[in-house]
């Protein structure tokens, strides 16, 4: 049922002329995709520095709050632009994206990374930050930073894999893969 709803939504988006225009544009699609990748590097660069400090493996002599405070704004600007361009990329190719196992994995990982980021943010703001100058933060902070790095690495990998059609709906696959990729028409053939 969820697969059918997602496909209906993607098919509806695909009816907009702006969707087709963006996908078929000579330069605009490339610019949007390039901006997406560049702001991803801005976001991940800032996040890497913060997470390495929260892990206690780099910048140990700088208070964690100082690094977080200085890098939070450019990191969030990169994230917002990355998110906007990601939505535009989805809008340009909604049906293929919706029926991509890699896109679905990426969305789930993005949600998990977002929840983890909120938890870390709440932990650092709610604590008395008595560990701020400690070279190695508390275990729960280090665990959050480790999860952050791992989840974002997987988000990037899943996004990169979207370019390949190993498990696209037009290929012969097991039932589970048709379901996981949201191949509604192919699933109907099994019934």
C-alpha atoms as a PDB file:
ATOM      1  CA  UNK A   1       0.000   0.000   0.000  1.00  0.00           C
ATOM      2  CA  UNK A   2       2.803   2.422   0.879  1.00  0.00           C
ATOM      3  CA  UNK A   3       4.571   1.615  -2.391  1.00  0.00           C
ATOM      4  CA  UNK A   4       1.401   2.433  -4.335  1.00  0.00           C
ATOM      5  CA  UNK A   5       0.978   5.763  -2.530  1.00  0.00           C
ATOM      6  CA  UNK A   6       4.602   6.733  -3.098  1.00  0.00           C
ATOM      7  CA  UNK A   7       4.364   5.828  -6.787  1.00  0.00           C
ATOM      8  CA  UNK A   8       1.126   7.823  -7.183  1.00  0.00           C
ATOM      9  CA  UNK A   9       2.815  10.836  -5.588  1.00  0.00           C
ATOM     10  CA  UNK A  10       5.888  10.459  -7.820  1.00  0.00           C
ATOM     11  CA  UNK A  11       3.720  10.031 -10.922  1.00  0.00           C
ATOM     12  CA  UNK A  12       1.778  13.153  -9.967  1.00  0.00           C
ATOM     13  CA  UNK A  13       5.039  15.133  -9.565  1.00  0.00           C
ATOM     14  CA  UNK A  14       6.184  13.814 -12.933  1.00  0.00           C
ATOM     15  CA  UNK A  15       3.171  15.443 -14.628  1.00  0.00           C
ATOM     16  CA  UNK A  16       4.509  18.920 -13.918  1.00  0.00           C
ATOM     17  CA  UNK A  17       6.240  20.502 -16.865  1.00  0.00           C
ATOM     18  CA  UNK A  18       8.802  22.032 -14.495  1.00  0.00           C
ATOM     19  CA  UNK A  19       9.892  18.517 -13.493  1.00  0.00           C
ATOM     20  CA  UNK A  20      10.551  17.559 -17.096  1.00  0.00           C
ATOM     21  CA  UNK A  21      12.155  20.920 -17.850  1.00  0.00           C
ATOM     22  CA  UNK A  22      14.579  20.588 -14.940  1.00  0.00           C
ATOM     23  CA  UNK A  23      15.559  17.037 -15.866  1.00  0.00           C
ATOM     24  CA  UNK A  24      16.040  17.834 -19.542  1.00  0.00           C
ATOM     25  CA  UNK A  25      17.671  21.248 -19.080  1.00  0.00           C
ATOM     26  CA  UNK A  26      21.041  21.563 -20.731  1.00  0.00           C
ATOM     27  CA  UNK A  27      22.748  23.158 -17.719  1.00  0.00           C
ATOM     28  CA  UNK A  28      20.291  23.603 -14.847  1.00  0.00           C
ATOM     29  CA  UNK A  29      20.125  19.956 -13.734  1.00  0.00           C
ATOM     30  CA  UNK A  30      23.928  19.794 -13.649  1.00  0.00           C
ATOM     31  CA  UNK A  31      24.094  23.014 -11.661  1.00  0.00           C
ATOM     32  CA  UNK A  32      21.564  21.760  -9.146  1.00  0.00           C
ATOM     33  CA  UNK A  33      23.400  18.447  -8.822  1.00  0.00           C
ATOM     34  CA  UNK A  34      26.775  20.193  -8.560  1.00  0.00           C
ATOM     35  CA  UNK A  35      25.441  22.542  -5.881  1.00  0.00           C
ATOM     36  CA  UNK A  36      24.049  19.530  -4.027  1.00  0.00           C
ATOM     37  CA  UNK A  37      27.448  17.847  -3.986  1.00  0.00           C
ATOM     38  CA  UNK A  38      29.379  21.033  -3.109  1.00  0.00           C
ATOM     39  CA  UNK A  39      27.093  21.913  -0.200  1.00  0.00           C
ATOM     40  CA  UNK A  40      27.289  18.279   0.917  1.00  0.00           C
ATOM     41  CA  UNK A  41      31.057  18.709   1.205  1.00  0.00           C
ATOM     42  CA  UNK A  42      30.607  21.987   3.119  1.00  0.00           C
ATOM     43  CA  UNK A  43      28.156  20.352   5.515  1.00  0.00           C
ATOM     44  CA  UNK A  44      30.185  17.165   5.962  1.00  0.00           C
ATOM     45  CA  UNK A  45      33.435  19.086   6.381  1.00  0.00           C
ATOM     46  CA  UNK A  46      32.025  21.090   9.276  1.00  0.00           C
ATOM     47  CA  UNK A  47      30.350  17.998  10.733  1.00  0.00           C
ATOM     48  CA  UNK A  48      33.585  16.013  10.509  1.00  0.00           C
ATOM     49  CA  UNK A  49      35.481  18.618  12.523  1.00  0.00           C
ATOM     50  CA  UNK A  50      32.737  18.741  15.171  1.00  0.00           C
ATOM     51  CA  UNK A  51      32.452  14.954  15.374  1.00  0.00           C
ATOM     52  CA  UNK A  52      36.216  14.471  15.574  1.00  0.00           C
ATOM     53  CA  UNK A  53      36.285  16.882  18.534  1.00  0.00           C
ATOM     54  CA  UNK A  54      33.329  15.117  20.149  1.00  0.00           C
ATOM     55  CA  UNK A  55      35.174  11.823  19.694  1.00  0.00           C
ATOM     56  CA  UNK A  56      38.232  13.297  21.394  1.00  0.00           C
ATOM     57  CA  UNK A  57      40.567  12.392  18.525  1.00  0.00           C
ATOM     58  CA  UNK A  58      41.267  15.878  17.139  1.00  0.00           C
ATOM     59  CA  UNK A  59      41.273  19.499  18.323  1.00  0.00           C
ATOM     60  CA  UNK A  60      41.476  18.280  21.913  1.00  0.00           C
ATOM     61  CA  UNK A  61      42.924  21.561  23.150  1.00  0.00           C
ATOM     62  CA  UNK A  62      39.926  23.577  21.892  1.00  0.00           C
ATOM     63  CA  UNK A  63      36.736  23.530  23.975  1.00  0.00           C
ATOM     64  CA  UNK A  64      34.001  21.509  22.257  1.00  0.00           C
ATOM     65  CA  UNK A  65      31.519  24.364  22.682  1.00  0.00           C
ATOM     66  CA  UNK A  66      33.840  26.731  20.783  1.00  0.00           C
ATOM     67  CA  UNK A  67      34.089  24.402  17.783  1.00  0.00           C
ATOM     68  CA  UNK A  68      30.356  23.711  17.797  1.00  0.00           C
ATOM     69  CA  UNK A  69      29.519  27.411  18.093  1.00  0.00           C
ATOM     70  CA  UNK A  70      31.850  28.482  15.262  1.00  0.00           C
ATOM     71  CA  UNK A  71      30.987  25.726  12.804  1.00  0.00           C
ATOM     72  CA  UNK A  72      27.264  25.359  13.447  1.00  0.00           C
ATOM     73  CA  UNK A  73      26.128  28.200  11.163  1.00  0.00           C
ATOM     74  CA  UNK A  74      28.143  27.256   8.032  1.00  0.00           C
ATOM     75  CA  UNK A  75      27.241  23.609   8.636  1.00  0.00           C
ATOM     76  CA  UNK A  76      23.523  24.417   8.793  1.00  0.00           C
ATOM     77  CA  UNK A  77      23.721  26.676   5.721  1.00  0.00           C
ATOM     78  CA  UNK A  78      25.323  23.803   3.817  1.00  0.00           C
ATOM     79  CA  UNK A  79      22.671  21.408   5.102  1.00  0.00           C
ATOM     80  CA  UNK A  80      19.756  23.665   4.105  1.00  0.00           C
ATOM     81  CA  UNK A  81      21.090  24.250   0.583  1.00  0.00           C
ATOM     82  CA  UNK A  82      21.907  20.537   0.275  1.00  0.00           C
ATOM     83  CA  UNK A  83      18.352  19.695   1.337  1.00  0.00           C
ATOM     84  CA  UNK A  84      16.766  22.155  -1.109  1.00  0.00           C
ATOM     85  CA  UNK A  85      18.866  20.911  -4.019  1.00  0.00           C
ATOM     86  CA  UNK A  86      18.139  17.306  -3.018  1.00  0.00           C
ATOM     87  CA  UNK A  87      14.400  18.004  -3.182  1.00  0.00           C
ATOM     88  CA  UNK A  88      14.898  19.607  -6.605  1.00  0.00           C
ATOM     89  CA  UNK A  89      16.823  16.548  -7.815  1.00  0.00           C
ATOM     90  CA  UNK A  90      13.976  14.325  -6.621  1.00  0.00           C
ATOM     91  CA  UNK A  91      11.463  16.637  -8.340  1.00  0.00           C
ATOM     92  CA  UNK A  92      13.388  16.307 -11.616  1.00  0.00           C
ATOM     93  CA  UNK A  93      13.240  12.481 -11.621  1.00  0.00           C
ATOM     94  CA  UNK A  94      10.494  11.488  -9.169  1.00  0.00           C
ATOM     95  CA  UNK A  95       9.404   8.080 -10.503  1.00  0.00           C
ATOM     96  CA  UNK A  96      12.888   6.619 -10.975  1.00  0.00           C
ATOM     97  CA  UNK A  97      13.975   8.004  -7.595  1.00  0.00           C
ATOM     98  CA  UNK A  98      10.907   6.625  -5.831  1.00  0.00           C
ATOM     99  CA  UNK A  99      11.560   3.199  -7.329  1.00  0.00           C
ATOM    100  CA  UNK A 100      15.244   3.163  -6.396  1.00  0.00           C
ATOM    101  CA  UNK A 101      16.300   0.944  -3.504  1.00  0.00           C
ATOM    102  CA  UNK A 102      19.289   3.245  -2.972  1.00  0.00           C
ATOM    103  CA  UNK A 103      17.081   6.335  -2.717  1.00  0.00           C
ATOM    104  CA  UNK A 104      14.892   4.579  -0.157  1.00  0.00           C
ATOM    105  CA  UNK A 105      17.930   3.519   1.865  1.00  0.00           C
ATOM    106  CA  UNK A 106      19.277   7.067   1.671  1.00  0.00           C
ATOM    107  CA  UNK A 107      16.028   8.549   2.989  1.00  0.00           C
ATOM    108  CA  UNK A 108      15.912   6.107   5.926  1.00  0.00           C
ATOM    109  CA  UNK A 109      19.564   6.854   6.731  1.00  0.00           C
ATOM    110  CA  UNK A 110      18.919  10.611   6.472  1.00  0.00           C
ATOM    111  CA  UNK A 111      16.105  10.300   8.982  1.00  0.00           C
ATOM    112  CA  UNK A 112      18.320   8.249  11.318  1.00  0.00           C
ATOM    113  CA  UNK A 113      21.181  10.771  10.951  1.00  0.00           C
ATOM    114  CA  UNK A 114      18.765  13.634  11.660  1.00  0.00           C
ATOM    115  CA  UNK A 115      17.453  11.965  14.813  1.00  0.00           C
ATOM    116  CA  UNK A 116      21.012  11.279  15.945  1.00  0.00           C
ATOM    117  CA  UNK A 117      21.973  14.922  15.289  1.00  0.00           C
ATOM    118  CA  UNK A 118      19.016  16.147  17.369  1.00  0.00           C
ATOM    119  CA  UNK A 119      19.957  13.802  20.196  1.00  0.00           C
ATOM    120  CA  UNK A 120      23.576  15.012  20.180  1.00  0.00           C
ATOM    121  CA  UNK A 121      22.445  18.635  20.045  1.00  0.00           C
ATOM    122  CA  UNK A 122      20.082  18.077  22.977  1.00  0.00           C
ATOM    123  CA  UNK A 123      22.762  16.215  24.961  1.00  0.00           C
ATOM    124  CA  UNK A 124      25.304  19.005  24.496  1.00  0.00           C
ATOM    125  CA  UNK A 125      22.810  21.770  25.286  1.00  0.00           C
ATOM    126  CA  UNK A 126      21.173  19.990  28.218  1.00  0.00           C
ATOM    127  CA  UNK A 127      24.425  19.037  29.909  1.00  0.00           C
ATOM    128  CA  UNK A 128      26.336  21.424  32.129  1.00  0.00           C
ATOM    129  CA  UNK A 129      29.223  21.064  29.646  1.00  0.00           C
ATOM    130  CA  UNK A 130      31.586  20.339  32.535  1.00  0.00           C
ATOM    131  CA  UNK A 131      33.447  18.136  30.019  1.00  0.00           C
ATOM    132  CA  UNK A 132      33.837  21.024  27.532  1.00  0.00           C
ATOM    133  CA  UNK A 133      37.588  21.350  28.106  1.00  0.00           C
ATOM    134  CA  UNK A 134      38.210  17.636  28.606  1.00  0.00           C
ATOM    135  CA  UNK A 135      40.287  16.106  25.809  1.00  0.00           C
ATOM    136  CA  UNK A 136      37.852  13.175  25.645  1.00  0.00           C
ATOM    137  CA  UNK A 137      34.114  13.849  26.083  1.00  0.00           C
ATOM    138  CA  UNK A 138      31.757  11.460  27.913  1.00  0.00           C
ATOM    139  CA  UNK A 139      30.978   8.091  26.363  1.00  0.00           C
ATOM    140  CA  UNK A 140      27.421   8.988  25.252  1.00  0.00           C
ATOM    141  CA  UNK A 141      28.739  12.016  23.323  1.00  0.00           C
ATOM    142  CA  UNK A 142      31.438   9.890  21.668  1.00  0.00           C
ATOM    143  CA  UNK A 143      28.862   7.267  20.743  1.00  0.00           C
ATOM    144  CA  UNK A 144      26.663   9.919  19.104  1.00  0.00           C
ATOM    145  CA  UNK A 145      29.617  11.288  17.145  1.00  0.00           C
ATOM    146  CA  UNK A 146      30.563   7.786  15.980  1.00  0.00           C
ATOM    147  CA  UNK A 147      26.991   7.130  14.846  1.00  0.00           C
ATOM    148  CA  UNK A 148      26.958  10.492  13.094  1.00  0.00           C
ATOM    149  CA  UNK A 149      30.077   9.747  11.072  1.00  0.00           C
ATOM    150  CA  UNK A 150      28.875   6.251  10.199  1.00  0.00           C
ATOM    151  CA  UNK A 151      25.368   7.291   9.198  1.00  0.00           C
ATOM    152  CA  UNK A 152      26.563  10.160   7.026  1.00  0.00           C
ATOM    153  CA  UNK A 153      29.127   7.946   5.306  1.00  0.00           C
ATOM    154  CA  UNK A 154      26.301   5.532   4.481  1.00  0.00           C
ATOM    155  CA  UNK A 155      24.068   8.396   3.260  1.00  0.00           C
ATOM    156  CA  UNK A 156      26.807   9.492   0.863  1.00  0.00           C
ATOM    157  CA  UNK A 157      27.385   5.902  -0.319  1.00  0.00           C
ATOM    158  CA  UNK A 158      23.656   5.326  -0.904  1.00  0.00           C
ATOM    159  CA  UNK A 159      23.385   8.619  -2.779  1.00  0.00           C
ATOM    160  CA  UNK A 160      26.305   7.684  -4.972  1.00  0.00           C
ATOM    161  CA  UNK A 161      24.801   4.262  -5.697  1.00  0.00           C
ATOM    162  CA  UNK A 162      21.608   5.881  -7.016  1.00  0.00           C
ATOM    163  CA  UNK A 163      23.391   6.454 -10.322  1.00  0.00           C
ATOM    164  CA  UNK A 164      23.530   2.712 -10.978  1.00  0.00           C
ATOM    165  CA  UNK A 165      20.570   0.632 -12.108  1.00  0.00           C
ATOM    166  CA  UNK A 166      21.494  -2.741 -10.645  1.00  0.00           C
ATOM    167  CA  UNK A 167      18.092  -3.110  -8.993  1.00  0.00           C
ATOM    168  CA  UNK A 168      15.838  -0.994 -11.181  1.00  0.00           C
ATOM    169  CA  UNK A 169      12.297  -2.173 -11.706  1.00  0.00           C
ATOM    170  CA  UNK A 170      12.791  -3.106 -15.362  1.00  0.00           C
ATOM    171  CA  UNK A 171      15.286  -5.810 -14.386  1.00  0.00           C
ATOM    172  CA  UNK A 172      14.464  -9.331 -13.301  1.00  0.00           C
ATOM    173  CA  UNK A 173      14.801  -9.565  -9.510  1.00  0.00           C
ATOM    174  CA  UNK A 174      13.467 -11.570  -6.571  1.00  0.00           C
ATOM    175  CA  UNK A 175      10.096 -10.595  -5.117  1.00  0.00           C
ATOM    176  CA  UNK A 176      11.696  -8.974  -2.051  1.00  0.00           C
ATOM    177  CA  UNK A 177      13.769  -6.597  -4.204  1.00  0.00           C
ATOM    178  CA  UNK A 178      10.701  -5.576  -6.224  1.00  0.00           C
ATOM    179  CA  UNK A 179       8.967  -4.805  -2.937  1.00  0.00           C
ATOM    180  CA  UNK A 180      11.969  -2.989  -1.410  1.00  0.00           C
ATOM    181  CA  UNK A 181      12.449  -0.856  -4.528  1.00  0.00           C
ATOM    182  CA  UNK A 182       8.724  -0.112  -4.790  1.00  0.00           C
ATOM    183  CA  UNK A 183       8.233  -1.783  -8.176  1.00  0.00           C
ATOM    184  CA  UNK A 184       4.428  -1.734  -8.020  1.00  0.00           C
ATOM    185  CA  UNK A 185       3.766  -3.019 -11.551  1.00  0.00           C
ATOM    186  CA  UNK A 186       6.295  -5.852 -11.237  1.00  0.00           C
ATOM    187  CA  UNK A 187       4.830  -6.881  -7.863  1.00  0.00           C
ATOM    188  CA  UNK A 188       1.382  -7.110  -9.466  1.00  0.00           C
ATOM    189  CA  UNK A 189       2.778  -9.640 -11.936  1.00  0.00           C
ATOM    190  CA  UNK A 190       3.651 -11.946  -9.010  1.00  0.00           C
ATOM    191  CA  UNK A 191       0.044 -12.007  -7.830  1.00  0.00           C
END
